[in-house]
Amino acid sequence: MKTNQAILTDQFKRKHTYLRISLTERCNLRCTYCMPAEGVPLSPKSHIMDYDEIYAIAKTFVENGVTKIRLTGGEPLIRKDIHIILGKLASLPVELAITTNGITLDRHIDVLKENNIKNINVSLDTLSEDKFKEITRRNQFEKVYNNILLLIEKGFNVKINAVLIKGFNDDEIIDFINLTKGFSISFRFIEFMPFDGNKWDIKKMVSYAEVLERVNNHFFLENVERIKDAENDTSKNYRIKGYKGSFAIISSVTNPFCDSCNRLRLTADGKLKNCLFSASESDLLTVFREGKSIAPIIQKAVLGKFKIRGGMDTLEKLKKPDLHSKNRSMITIGG
């Protein structure tokens, strides 16, 4: 039963109906844009939410207006209790989705179907086996690619996420889009974003405008169709005429979508982040373990949300390392 939806409405009247929950800080890849080369200090196991805590905290959000939950990591499917977590969350009146690196998907097809999870996002930043090894520091390209094909075969709604980095994979933009010719998938290009330890440089970023320019030059403007975006969508969606699938651009840096943001993030150690770019966090897990209501903490965090990108409302501010380096590395946020 819904209670007081007002606690999820911020000072700019944005209603937050979408919760992203990180299940773990651990991952079986080491993507360069996600974590520093030397790794990150992991929270002790006792600081990580167990499945009952994940369910209870998520239930509070759902009772107050959340209608969609996406599970992230680290890599969410490496949790040994993932089947229990999925079962518990699937009992809530909410759309349940997951983002994964795809390595172990073949082992979880049945439990995903059992819990009515239809929407799966898979991270794949290159179609080159050598480049995959370079950016992930692991040799798992074939496994990931075959598991994407398996998801398509099994009828899941598949989105593939690629972080574009100039000089690394920007030469694959057309190849990525050509995947949508024969497959009913969405390929999403994500602008390279700054996080602690990922050596972000705006010169490495491939912008929304640059992607569109390359697409229009290759496919010709008359063959590139703009698709209507879903409500609160973070991506600008397109399709090549005659192609089964579509492609999209997530322009968090050059063309932020903050005005319609409806997202909140819960880290694996039970901290609420009201924005991906925000350095501030609110500790829900400690309060929950003390037997107190987390609703006031949630409401305060939501009301404190900045209008744009955690307060970095210009590119000049975004370029300042002292601002974005106070944020966590992506691996411990959960995307």
C-alpha atoms as a PDB file:
ATOM      1  CA  MET A   1       0.000   0.000   0.000  1.00  0.00           C
ATOM      2  CA  LYS A   2       1.310   3.457  -0.882  1.00  0.00           C
ATOM      3  CA  THR A   3       1.846   5.793   2.069  1.00  0.00           C
ATOM      4  CA  ASN A   4       3.285   9.305   1.711  1.00  0.00           C
ATOM      5  CA  GLN A   5       4.659   9.877  -1.786  1.00  0.00           C
ATOM      6  CA  ALA A   6       5.753  13.375  -0.724  1.00  0.00           C
ATOM      7  CA  ILE A   7       8.997  12.060   0.765  1.00  0.00           C
ATOM      8  CA  LEU A   8      10.183  11.198  -2.764  1.00  0.00           C
ATOM      9  CA  THR A   9       9.397  14.628  -4.232  1.00  0.00           C
ATOM     10  CA  ASP A  10      12.232  17.158  -4.221  1.00  0.00           C
ATOM     11  CA  GLN A  11      12.191  20.952  -4.035  1.00  0.00           C
ATOM     12  CA  PHE A  12      11.980  21.148  -7.842  1.00  0.00           C
ATOM     13  CA  LYS A  13       8.796  19.003  -7.841  1.00  0.00           C
ATOM     14  CA  ARG A  14      10.572  15.976  -9.358  1.00  0.00           C
ATOM     15  CA  LYS A  15       8.937  12.729  -8.218  1.00  0.00           C
ATOM     16  CA  HIS A  16      11.398   9.877  -7.760  1.00  0.00           C
ATOM     17  CA  THR A  17       9.791   6.619  -8.861  1.00  0.00           C
ATOM     18  CA  TYR A  18      12.929   4.726  -9.934  1.00  0.00           C
ATOM     19  CA  LEU A  19      15.380   3.152  -7.477  1.00  0.00           C
ATOM     20  CA  ARG A  20      18.680   1.616  -8.526  1.00  0.00           C
ATOM     21  CA  ILE A  21      20.039  -0.817  -5.932  1.00  0.00           C
ATOM     22  CA  SER A  22      23.674  -1.911  -5.955  1.00  0.00           C
ATOM     23  CA  LEU A  23      23.905  -5.452  -4.595  1.00  0.00           C
ATOM     24  CA  THR A  24      27.683  -5.638  -4.310  1.00  0.00           C
ATOM     25  CA  GLU A  25      30.870  -3.640  -4.776  1.00  0.00           C
ATOM     26  CA  ARG A  26      32.592  -6.684  -6.218  1.00  0.00           C
ATOM     27  CA  CYS A  27      32.954  -7.445  -9.912  1.00  0.00           C
ATOM     28  CA  ASN A  28      34.543 -10.088 -12.106  1.00  0.00           C
ATOM     29  CA  LEU A  29      35.769  -7.418 -14.554  1.00  0.00           C
ATOM     30  CA  ARG A  30      38.058  -4.417 -14.001  1.00  0.00           C
ATOM     31  CA  CYS A  31      36.769  -1.815 -16.465  1.00  0.00           C
ATOM     32  CA  THR A  32      39.057   1.190 -16.629  1.00  0.00           C
ATOM     33  CA  TYR A  33      36.264   3.805 -16.589  1.00  0.00           C
ATOM     34  CA  CYS A  34      34.625   2.119 -13.611  1.00  0.00           C
ATOM     35  CA  MET A  35      37.444   1.533 -11.151  1.00  0.00           C
ATOM     36  CA  PRO A  36      41.078   2.576 -10.652  1.00  0.00           C
ATOM     37  CA  ALA A  37      43.777   0.177 -11.912  1.00  0.00           C
ATOM     38  CA  GLU A  38      44.839  -0.507  -8.327  1.00  0.00           C
ATOM     39  CA  GLY A  39      41.285  -1.485  -7.400  1.00  0.00           C
ATOM     40  CA  VAL A  40      39.173   0.022  -4.633  1.00  0.00           C
ATOM     41  CA  PRO A  41      38.918  -0.677  -0.896  1.00  0.00           C
ATOM     42  CA  LEU A  42      35.830  -2.830  -0.421  1.00  0.00           C
ATOM     43  CA  SER A  43      33.408  -2.468   2.435  1.00  0.00           C
ATOM     44  CA  PRO A  44      33.555  -5.261   5.038  1.00  0.00           C
ATOM     45  CA  LYS A  45      30.903  -7.929   4.486  1.00  0.00           C
ATOM     46  CA  SER A  46      29.154  -6.869   7.689  1.00  0.00           C
ATOM     47  CA  HIS A  47      28.594  -3.413   6.155  1.00  0.00           C
ATOM     48  CA  ILE A  48      26.845  -4.794   3.065  1.00  0.00           C
ATOM     49  CA  MET A  49      23.066  -5.154   3.027  1.00  0.00           C
ATOM     50  CA  ASP A  50      21.819  -8.731   3.374  1.00  0.00           C
ATOM     51  CA  TYR A  51      18.805  -9.927   1.410  1.00  0.00           C
ATOM     52  CA  ASP A  52      16.303  -9.159   4.158  1.00  0.00           C
ATOM     53  CA  GLU A  53      17.668  -5.624   4.508  1.00  0.00           C
ATOM     54  CA  ILE A  54      17.585  -5.079   0.747  1.00  0.00           C
ATOM     55  CA  TYR A  55      13.964  -6.180   0.659  1.00  0.00           C
ATOM     56  CA  ALA A  56      12.846  -4.155   3.694  1.00  0.00           C
ATOM     57  CA  ILE A  57      14.532  -0.939   2.539  1.00  0.00           C
ATOM     58  CA  ALA A  58      13.240  -1.402  -1.012  1.00  0.00           C
ATOM     59  CA  LYS A  59       9.745  -2.002   0.370  1.00  0.00           C
ATOM     60  CA  THR A  60       9.833   1.386   2.103  1.00  0.00           C
ATOM     61  CA  PHE A  61      10.632   3.063  -1.207  1.00  0.00           C
ATOM     62  CA  VAL A  62       7.885   1.159  -3.020  1.00  0.00           C
ATOM     63  CA  GLU A  63       5.342   2.084  -0.324  1.00  0.00           C
ATOM     64  CA  ASN A  64       6.254   5.721  -0.953  1.00  0.00           C
ATOM     65  CA  GLY A  65       5.959   5.739  -4.725  1.00  0.00           C
ATOM     66  CA  VAL A  66       8.796   3.816  -6.382  1.00  0.00           C
ATOM     67  CA  THR A  67       7.472   1.793  -9.323  1.00  0.00           C
ATOM     68  CA  LYS A  68      10.723   0.532 -10.838  1.00  0.00           C
ATOM     69  CA  ILE A  69      13.817  -1.068  -9.309  1.00  0.00           C
ATOM     70  CA  ARG A  70      16.993  -1.853 -11.229  1.00  0.00           C
ATOM     71  CA  LEU A  71      19.651  -4.080  -9.677  1.00  0.00           C
ATOM     72  CA  THR A  72      23.269  -3.174 -10.319  1.00  0.00           C
ATOM     73  CA  GLY A  73      26.710  -3.820  -8.855  1.00  0.00           C
ATOM     74  CA  GLY A  74      29.633  -4.226  -9.085  1.00  0.00           C
ATOM     75  CA  GLU A  75      28.291  -7.260 -10.847  1.00  0.00           C
ATOM     76  CA  PRO A  76      24.928  -8.192  -9.246  1.00  0.00           C
ATOM     77  CA  LEU A  77      24.875 -11.774 -10.518  1.00  0.00           C
ATOM     78  CA  ILE A  78      27.964 -12.754  -8.519  1.00  0.00           C
ATOM     79  CA  ARG A  79      26.000 -12.581  -5.256  1.00  0.00           C
ATOM     80  CA  LYS A  80      25.475 -16.141  -4.071  1.00  0.00           C
ATOM     81  CA  ASP A  81      22.044 -15.216  -2.739  1.00  0.00           C
ATOM     82  CA  ILE A  82      20.911 -13.505  -5.943  1.00  0.00           C
ATOM     83  CA  HIS A  83      18.041 -15.977  -6.369  1.00  0.00           C
ATOM     84  CA  ILE A  84      16.704 -15.071  -2.915  1.00  0.00           C
ATOM     85  CA  ILE A  85      17.046 -11.331  -3.572  1.00  0.00           C
ATOM     86  CA  LEU A  86      15.222 -11.628  -6.890  1.00  0.00           C
ATOM     87  CA  GLY A  87      12.442 -13.681  -5.349  1.00  0.00           C
ATOM     88  CA  LYS A  88      11.873 -11.219  -2.526  1.00  0.00           C
ATOM     89  CA  LEU A  89      11.934  -8.108  -4.710  1.00  0.00           C
ATOM     90  CA  ALA A  90       9.699  -9.745  -7.318  1.00  0.00           C
ATOM     91  CA  SER A  91       6.998  -9.996  -4.661  1.00  0.00           C
ATOM     92  CA  LEU A  92       6.759  -6.197  -4.566  1.00  0.00           C
ATOM     93  CA  PRO A  93       4.374  -4.327  -6.932  1.00  0.00           C
ATOM     94  CA  VAL A  94       7.238  -2.954  -8.990  1.00  0.00           C
ATOM     95  CA  GLU A  95       8.946  -3.403 -12.359  1.00  0.00           C
ATOM     96  CA  LEU A  96      12.205  -5.247 -11.723  1.00  0.00           C
ATOM     97  CA  ALA A  97      15.190  -4.964 -14.077  1.00  0.00           C
ATOM     98  CA  ILE A  98      18.921  -5.686 -13.941  1.00  0.00           C
ATOM     99  CA  THR A  99      22.196  -4.361 -15.347  1.00  0.00           C
ATOM    100  CA  THR A 100      25.021  -6.873 -15.761  1.00  0.00           C
ATOM    101  CA  ASN A 101      28.341  -7.406 -17.486  1.00  0.00           C
ATOM    102  CA  GLY A 102      26.866 -10.580 -18.942  1.00  0.00           C
ATOM    103  CA  ILE A 103      29.554 -13.080 -17.989  1.00  0.00           C
ATOM    104  CA  THR A 104      27.357 -15.435 -15.932  1.00  0.00           C
ATOM    105  CA  LEU A 105      23.980 -14.724 -17.537  1.00  0.00           C
ATOM    106  CA  ASP A 106      23.643 -18.223 -18.961  1.00  0.00           C
ATOM    107  CA  ARG A 107      23.588 -19.610 -15.410  1.00  0.00           C
ATOM    108  CA  HIS A 108      20.740 -17.320 -14.355  1.00  0.00           C
ATOM    109  CA  ILE A 109      18.281 -17.433 -17.260  1.00  0.00           C
ATOM    110  CA  ASP A 110      15.780 -19.607 -15.374  1.00  0.00           C
ATOM    111  CA  VAL A 111      15.749 -17.540 -12.171  1.00  0.00           C
ATOM    112  CA  LEU A 112      15.385 -14.332 -14.185  1.00  0.00           C
ATOM    113  CA  LYS A 113      12.377 -15.745 -16.007  1.00  0.00           C
ATOM    114  CA  GLU A 114      10.873 -17.169 -12.810  1.00  0.00           C
ATOM    115  CA  ASN A 115      10.901 -13.677 -11.302  1.00  0.00           C
ATOM    116  CA  ASN A 116       9.448 -11.994 -14.383  1.00  0.00           C
ATOM    117  CA  ILE A 117      12.543  -9.946 -15.175  1.00  0.00           C
ATOM    118  CA  LYS A 118      12.200  -8.977 -18.813  1.00  0.00           C
ATOM    119  CA  ASN A 119      14.476  -5.946 -19.156  1.00  0.00           C
ATOM    120  CA  ILE A 120      18.208  -6.584 -19.029  1.00  0.00           C
ATOM    121  CA  ASN A 121      21.005  -4.121 -19.750  1.00  0.00           C
ATOM    122  CA  VAL A 122      24.387  -5.576 -20.664  1.00  0.00           C
ATOM    123  CA  SER A 123      27.621  -3.600 -20.691  1.00  0.00           C
ATOM    124  CA  LEU A 124      29.718  -4.141 -23.824  1.00  0.00           C
ATOM    125  CA  ASP A 125      32.160  -1.405 -24.806  1.00  0.00           C
ATOM    126  CA  THR A 126      33.701  -2.993 -27.873  1.00  0.00           C
ATOM    127  CA  LEU A 127      33.161  -5.684 -30.504  1.00  0.00           C
ATOM    128  CA  SER A 128      36.890  -6.427 -30.568  1.00  0.00           C
ATOM    129  CA  GLU A 129      38.185  -9.257 -28.398  1.00  0.00           C
ATOM    130  CA  ASP A 130      41.554  -7.520 -27.981  1.00  0.00           C
ATOM    131  CA  LYS A 131      39.985  -4.200 -27.002  1.00  0.00           C
ATOM    132  CA  PHE A 132      37.644  -5.971 -24.602  1.00  0.00           C
ATOM    133  CA  LYS A 133      40.625  -7.447 -22.794  1.00  0.00           C
ATOM    134  CA  GLU A 134      42.306  -4.038 -22.721  1.00  0.00           C
ATOM    135  CA  ILE A 135      39.395  -2.119 -21.206  1.00  0.00           C
ATOM    136  CA  THR A 136      38.109  -4.837 -18.834  1.00  0.00           C
ATOM    137  CA  ARG A 137      41.514  -6.339 -17.994  1.00  0.00           C
ATOM    138  CA  ARG A 138      39.873  -9.730 -18.526  1.00  0.00           C
ATOM    139  CA  ASN A 139      39.510 -12.113 -21.491  1.00  0.00           C
ATOM    140  CA  GLN A 140      35.743 -12.708 -21.498  1.00  0.00           C
ATOM    141  CA  PHE A 141      34.507 -11.173 -24.748  1.00  0.00           C
ATOM    142  CA  GLU A 142      33.229 -14.381 -26.327  1.00  0.00           C
ATOM    143  CA  LYS A 143      31.325 -15.327 -23.174  1.00  0.00           C
ATOM    144  CA  VAL A 144      29.602 -11.939 -22.949  1.00  0.00           C
ATOM    145  CA  TYR A 145      28.742 -11.777 -26.648  1.00  0.00           C
ATOM    146  CA  ASN A 146      27.290 -15.309 -26.677  1.00  0.00           C
ATOM    147  CA  ASN A 147      25.217 -14.546 -23.591  1.00  0.00           C
ATOM    148  CA  ILE A 148      23.755 -11.471 -25.295  1.00  0.00           C
ATOM    149  CA  LEU A 149      22.697 -13.708 -28.179  1.00  0.00           C
ATOM    150  CA  LEU A 150      21.208 -16.114 -25.632  1.00  0.00           C
ATOM    151  CA  LEU A 151      19.140 -13.336 -24.044  1.00  0.00           C
ATOM    152  CA  ILE A 152      17.795 -12.358 -27.455  1.00  0.00           C
ATOM    153  CA  GLU A 153      16.952 -15.982 -28.229  1.00  0.00           C
ATOM    154  CA  LYS A 154      15.114 -16.351 -24.910  1.00  0.00           C
ATOM    155  CA  GLY A 155      12.963 -13.291 -25.558  1.00  0.00           C
ATOM    156  CA  PHE A 156      14.363 -10.752 -23.116  1.00  0.00           C
ATOM    157  CA  ASN A 157      14.282  -7.027 -23.849  1.00  0.00           C
ATOM    158  CA  VAL A 158      17.979  -6.301 -24.297  1.00  0.00           C
ATOM    159  CA  LYS A 159      19.809  -3.008 -24.115  1.00  0.00           C
ATOM    160  CA  ILE A 160      23.565  -2.879 -24.639  1.00  0.00           C
ATOM    161  CA  ASN A 161      25.497  -0.092 -22.949  1.00  0.00           C
ATOM    162  CA  ALA A 162      28.803   1.218 -24.296  1.00  0.00           C
ATOM    163  CA  VAL A 163      30.856   3.981 -22.716  1.00  0.00           C
ATOM    164  CA  LEU A 164      32.470   5.830 -25.606  1.00  0.00           C
ATOM    165  CA  ILE A 165      36.099   6.887 -25.163  1.00  0.00           C
ATOM    166  CA  LYS A 166      37.855   8.861 -27.869  1.00  0.00           C
ATOM    167  CA  GLY A 167      40.706   6.978 -29.458  1.00  0.00           C
ATOM    168  CA  PHE A 168      39.543   3.678 -28.012  1.00  0.00           C
ATOM    169  CA  ASN A 169      36.120   2.636 -29.291  1.00  0.00           C
ATOM    170  CA  ASP A 170      34.704   5.681 -31.078  1.00  0.00           C
ATOM    171  CA  ASP A 171      35.720   4.068 -34.369  1.00  0.00           C
ATOM    172  CA  GLU A 172      33.157   1.313 -33.659  1.00  0.00           C
ATOM    173  CA  ILE A 173      30.050   3.524 -33.507  1.00  0.00           C
ATOM    174  CA  ILE A 174      28.774   2.383 -36.912  1.00  0.00           C
ATOM    175  CA  ASP A 175      29.592  -1.265 -36.147  1.00  0.00           C
ATOM    176  CA  PHE A 176      27.635  -0.991 -32.905  1.00  0.00           C
ATOM    177  CA  ILE A 177      24.600   0.446 -34.687  1.00  0.00           C
ATOM    178  CA  ASN A 178      24.772  -2.238 -37.374  1.00  0.00           C
ATOM    179  CA  LEU A 179      24.104  -4.798 -34.628  1.00  0.00           C
ATOM    180  CA  THR A 180      20.584  -3.373 -34.517  1.00  0.00           C
ATOM    181  CA  LYS A 181      19.980  -4.257 -38.158  1.00  0.00           C
ATOM    182  CA  GLY A 182      19.197  -7.893 -37.488  1.00  0.00           C
ATOM    183  CA  PHE A 183      18.453  -7.842 -33.757  1.00  0.00           C
ATOM    184  CA  SER A 184      15.588  -6.126 -31.950  1.00  0.00           C
ATOM    185  CA  ILE A 185      17.878  -4.560 -29.359  1.00  0.00           C
ATOM    186  CA  SER A 186      18.754  -1.040 -28.259  1.00  0.00           C
ATOM    187  CA  PHE A 187      22.414  -0.032 -28.366  1.00  0.00           C
ATOM    188  CA  ARG A 188      23.123   2.897 -26.040  1.00  0.00           C
ATOM    189  CA  PHE A 189      26.136   5.167 -26.226  1.00  0.00           C
ATOM    190  CA  ILE A 190      27.107   6.712 -22.893  1.00  0.00           C
ATOM    191  CA  GLU A 191      29.232   9.816 -22.577  1.00  0.00           C
ATOM    192  CA  PHE A 192      32.380   9.201 -20.524  1.00  0.00           C
ATOM    193  CA  MET A 193      31.668  10.578 -17.032  1.00  0.00           C
ATOM    194  CA  PRO A 194      34.016  11.639 -14.205  1.00  0.00           C
ATOM    195  CA  PHE A 195      34.360   9.460 -11.099  1.00  0.00           C
ATOM    196  CA  ASP A 196      37.050   8.912  -8.515  1.00  0.00           C
ATOM    197  CA  GLY A 197      40.098   7.185  -9.983  1.00  0.00           C
ATOM    198  CA  ASN A 198      38.942   6.820 -13.608  1.00  0.00           C
ATOM    199  CA  LYS A 199      41.321   9.515 -14.970  1.00  0.00           C
ATOM    200  CA  TRP A 200      38.486  11.392 -16.622  1.00  0.00           C
ATOM    201  CA  ASP A 201      39.419  13.982 -19.206  1.00  0.00           C
ATOM    202  CA  ILE A 202      36.816  15.832 -21.255  1.00  0.00           C
ATOM    203  CA  LYS A 203      39.101  15.408 -24.267  1.00  0.00           C
ATOM    204  CA  LYS A 204      38.452  11.645 -24.066  1.00  0.00           C
ATOM    205  CA  MET A 205      34.695  12.142 -24.186  1.00  0.00           C
ATOM    206  CA  VAL A 206      32.684  11.527 -27.352  1.00  0.00           C
ATOM    207  CA  SER A 207      29.737  13.892 -27.179  1.00  0.00           C
ATOM    208  CA  TYR A 208      26.116  13.465 -28.197  1.00  0.00           C
ATOM    209  CA  ALA A 209      26.685  15.862 -31.098  1.00  0.00           C
ATOM    210  CA  GLU A 210      29.744  13.957 -32.309  1.00  0.00           C
ATOM    211  CA  VAL A 211      27.899  10.627 -32.302  1.00  0.00           C
ATOM    212  CA  LEU A 212      25.013  12.080 -34.299  1.00  0.00           C
ATOM    213  CA  GLU A 213      27.382  13.697 -36.784  1.00  0.00           C
ATOM    214  CA  ARG A 214      29.075  10.372 -37.507  1.00  0.00           C
ATOM    215  CA  VAL A 215      25.761   8.554 -37.750  1.00  0.00           C
ATOM    216  CA  ASN A 216      24.235  11.122 -40.103  1.00  0.00           C
ATOM    217  CA  ASN A 217      27.333  11.183 -42.303  1.00  0.00           C
ATOM    218  CA  HIS A 218      27.379   7.397 -42.635  1.00  0.00           C
ATOM    219  CA  PHE A 219      23.688   6.512 -42.885  1.00  0.00           C
ATOM    220  CA  PHE A 220      22.536   9.884 -44.306  1.00  0.00           C
ATOM    221  CA  LEU A 221      20.159  12.151 -42.434  1.00  0.00           C
ATOM    222  CA  GLU A 222      17.013  10.951 -44.207  1.00  0.00           C
ATOM    223  CA  ASN A 223      17.599   7.379 -42.959  1.00  0.00           C
ATOM    224  CA  VAL A 224      18.026   8.318 -39.281  1.00  0.00           C
ATOM    225  CA  GLU A 225      14.686   8.396 -37.475  1.00  0.00           C
ATOM    226  CA  ARG A 226      14.147  10.078 -34.111  1.00  0.00           C
ATOM    227  CA  ILE A 227      12.075   7.874 -31.800  1.00  0.00           C
ATOM    228  CA  LYS A 228       9.849   9.284 -29.066  1.00  0.00           C
ATOM    229  CA  ASP A 229      11.593   8.928 -25.716  1.00  0.00           C
ATOM    230  CA  ALA A 230       9.838   7.279 -22.806  1.00  0.00           C
ATOM    231  CA  GLU A 231       8.785   9.468 -19.885  1.00  0.00           C
ATOM    232  CA  ASN A 232      11.804  10.320 -17.680  1.00  0.00           C
ATOM    233  CA  ASP A 233      14.105   8.642 -20.197  1.00  0.00           C
ATOM    234  CA  THR A 234      17.823   9.382 -19.833  1.00  0.00           C
ATOM    235  CA  SER A 235      18.519   8.633 -23.488  1.00  0.00           C
ATOM    236  CA  LYS A 236      17.777  10.262 -26.834  1.00  0.00           C
ATOM    237  CA  ASN A 237      16.524   7.432 -29.037  1.00  0.00           C
ATOM    238  CA  TYR A 238      16.965   6.807 -32.768  1.00  0.00           C
ATOM    239  CA  ARG A 239      16.506   4.129 -35.382  1.00  0.00           C
ATOM    240  CA  ILE A 240      17.989   3.488 -38.804  1.00  0.00           C
ATOM    241  CA  LYS A 241      15.187   2.948 -41.321  1.00  0.00           C
ATOM    242  CA  GLY A 242      14.673  -0.751 -41.989  1.00  0.00           C
ATOM    243  CA  TYR A 243      16.627  -1.875 -38.905  1.00  0.00           C
ATOM    244  CA  LYS A 244      14.924  -4.112 -36.326  1.00  0.00           C
ATOM    245  CA  GLY A 245      16.499  -2.424 -33.328  1.00  0.00           C
ATOM    246  CA  SER A 246      17.370   1.096 -32.259  1.00  0.00           C
ATOM    247  CA  PHE A 247      20.214   3.105 -30.768  1.00  0.00           C
ATOM    248  CA  ALA A 248      20.358   5.851 -28.172  1.00  0.00           C
ATOM    249  CA  ILE A 249      22.707   8.389 -26.661  1.00  0.00           C
ATOM    250  CA  ILE A 250      22.947   9.094 -22.931  1.00  0.00           C
ATOM    251  CA  SER A 251      24.426  12.574 -22.721  1.00  0.00           C
ATOM    252  CA  SER A 252      24.936  13.085 -18.978  1.00  0.00           C
ATOM    253  CA  VAL A 253      27.817  15.496 -19.585  1.00  0.00           C
ATOM    254  CA  THR A 254      26.923  17.669 -22.584  1.00  0.00           C
ATOM    255  CA  ASN A 255      23.142  17.515 -22.523  1.00  0.00           C
ATOM    256  CA  PRO A 256      22.006  16.464 -19.026  1.00  0.00           C
ATOM    257  CA  PHE A 257      18.453  15.279 -18.437  1.00  0.00           C
ATOM    258  CA  CYS A 258      18.223  16.546 -14.863  1.00  0.00           C
ATOM    259  CA  ASP A 259      14.907  18.364 -15.275  1.00  0.00           C
ATOM    260  CA  SER A 260      13.037  15.087 -15.581  1.00  0.00           C
ATOM    261  CA  CYS A 261      15.238  12.956 -13.319  1.00  0.00           C
ATOM    262  CA  ASN A 262      13.253  10.436 -11.281  1.00  0.00           C
ATOM    263  CA  ARG A 263      16.181   8.297 -10.061  1.00  0.00           C
ATOM    264  CA  LEU A 264      17.675   7.524  -6.684  1.00  0.00           C
ATOM    265  CA  ARG A 265      20.552   5.159  -5.937  1.00  0.00           C
ATOM    266  CA  LEU A 266      21.102   2.830  -3.007  1.00  0.00           C
ATOM    267  CA  THR A 267      24.674   1.596  -2.614  1.00  0.00           C
ATOM    268  CA  ALA A 268      25.533  -1.925  -1.500  1.00  0.00           C
ATOM    269  CA  ASP A 269      26.500  -0.610   1.935  1.00  0.00           C
ATOM    270  CA  GLY A 270      23.100   1.020   2.360  1.00  0.00           C
ATOM    271  CA  LYS A 271      23.888   4.642   1.502  1.00  0.00           C
ATOM    272  CA  LEU A 272      21.350   6.701  -0.453  1.00  0.00           C
ATOM    273  CA  LYS A 273      22.732   8.874  -3.267  1.00  0.00           C
ATOM    274  CA  ASN A 274      20.244  11.365  -4.645  1.00  0.00           C
ATOM    275  CA  CYS A 275      22.327  11.870  -7.820  1.00  0.00           C
ATOM    276  CA  LEU A 276      24.961   9.882  -9.685  1.00  0.00           C
ATOM    277  CA  PHE A 277      27.264  12.929  -9.619  1.00  0.00           C
ATOM    278  CA  SER A 278      26.666  13.844  -5.979  1.00  0.00           C
ATOM    279  CA  ALA A 279      29.444  13.346  -3.436  1.00  0.00           C
ATOM    280  CA  SER A 280      26.986  13.390  -0.537  1.00  0.00           C
ATOM    281  CA  GLU A 281      25.357  10.233   0.821  1.00  0.00           C
ATOM    282  CA  SER A 282      22.737   9.403   3.439  1.00  0.00           C
ATOM    283  CA  ASP A 283      23.194   6.343   5.630  1.00  0.00           C
ATOM    284  CA  LEU A 284      19.990   4.295   5.585  1.00  0.00           C
ATOM    285  CA  LEU A 285      21.417   0.954   6.688  1.00  0.00           C
ATOM    286  CA  THR A 286      22.709   2.088  10.086  1.00  0.00           C
ATOM    287  CA  VAL A 287      19.409   3.769  10.878  1.00  0.00           C
ATOM    288  CA  PHE A 288      17.506   0.685   9.712  1.00  0.00           C
ATOM    289  CA  ARG A 289      19.652  -1.617  11.878  1.00  0.00           C
ATOM    290  CA  GLU A 290      18.937   0.601  14.857  1.00  0.00           C
ATOM    291  CA  GLY A 291      15.250  -0.126  14.334  1.00  0.00           C
ATOM    292  CA  LYS A 292      14.394   3.454  13.412  1.00  0.00           C
ATOM    293  CA  SER A 293      12.344   4.741  10.498  1.00  0.00           C
ATOM    294  CA  ILE A 294      14.391   5.529   7.395  1.00  0.00           C
ATOM    295  CA  ALA A 295      11.627   7.696   5.888  1.00  0.00           C
ATOM    296  CA  PRO A 296      12.890  10.990   7.404  1.00  0.00           C
ATOM    297  CA  ILE A 297      16.428  10.278   6.119  1.00  0.00           C
ATOM    298  CA  ILE A 298      15.074   9.559   2.638  1.00  0.00           C
ATOM    299  CA  GLN A 299      12.991  12.730   2.630  1.00  0.00           C
ATOM    300  CA  LYS A 300      15.930  14.905   3.725  1.00  0.00           C
ATOM    301  CA  ALA A 301      18.181  13.389   1.046  1.00  0.00           C
ATOM    302  CA  VAL A 302      15.589  13.916  -1.688  1.00  0.00           C
ATOM    303  CA  LEU A 303      14.936  17.529  -0.648  1.00  0.00           C
ATOM    304  CA  GLY A 304      18.677  18.183  -0.738  1.00  0.00           C
ATOM    305  CA  LYS A 305      19.039  17.120  -4.359  1.00  0.00           C
ATOM    306  CA  PHE A 306      20.608  19.748  -6.613  1.00  0.00           C
ATOM    307  CA  LYS A 307      18.829  20.896  -9.745  1.00  0.00           C
ATOM    308  CA  ILE A 308      21.657  19.797 -12.049  1.00  0.00           C
ATOM    309  CA  ARG A 309      24.397  17.126 -11.794  1.00  0.00           C
ATOM    310  CA  GLY A 310      25.091  17.242  -8.064  1.00  0.00           C
ATOM    311  CA  GLY A 311      25.637  21.004  -8.222  1.00  0.00           C
ATOM    312  CA  MET A 312      28.058  20.845 -11.154  1.00  0.00           C
ATOM    313  CA  ASP A 313      25.757  22.845 -13.387  1.00  0.00           C
ATOM    314  CA  THR A 314      28.385  23.895 -15.939  1.00  0.00           C
ATOM    315  CA  LEU A 315      31.054  22.063 -17.906  1.00  0.00           C
ATOM    316  CA  GLU A 316      33.657  24.279 -16.252  1.00  0.00           C
ATOM    317  CA  LYS A 317      32.657  22.953 -12.822  1.00  0.00           C
ATOM    318  CA  LEU A 318      32.644  19.406 -14.145  1.00  0.00           C
ATOM    319  CA  LYS A 319      36.223  19.826 -15.318  1.00  0.00           C
ATOM    320  CA  LYS A 320      37.429  20.604 -11.774  1.00  0.00           C
ATOM    321  CA  PRO A 321      38.893  17.401 -10.250  1.00  0.00           C
ATOM    322  CA  ASP A 322      38.360  18.654  -6.704  1.00  0.00           C
ATOM    323  CA  LEU A 323      34.612  18.564  -7.316  1.00  0.00           C
ATOM    324  CA  HIS A 324      34.081  15.176  -8.961  1.00  0.00           C
ATOM    325  CA  SER A 325      36.959  13.324  -7.239  1.00  0.00           C
ATOM    326  CA  LYS A 326      35.049  13.522  -3.955  1.00  0.00           C
ATOM    327  CA  ASN A 327      32.500  11.125  -5.430  1.00  0.00           C
ATOM    328  CA  ARG A 328      32.914   7.365  -5.218  1.00  0.00           C
ATOM    329  CA  SER A 329      34.353   5.332  -8.049  1.00  0.00           C
ATOM    330  CA  MET A 330      31.593   3.952 -10.274  1.00  0.00           C
ATOM    331  CA  ILE A 331      32.169   0.368  -9.063  1.00  0.00           C
ATOM    332  CA  THR A 332      30.977   1.299  -5.560  1.00  0.00           C
ATOM    333  CA  ILE A 333      28.055   3.475  -6.699  1.00  0.00           C
ATOM    334  CA  GLY A 334      26.329   1.001  -8.953  1.00  0.00           C
ATOM    335  CA  GLY A 335      25.701   3.205 -11.975  1.00  0.00           C
END
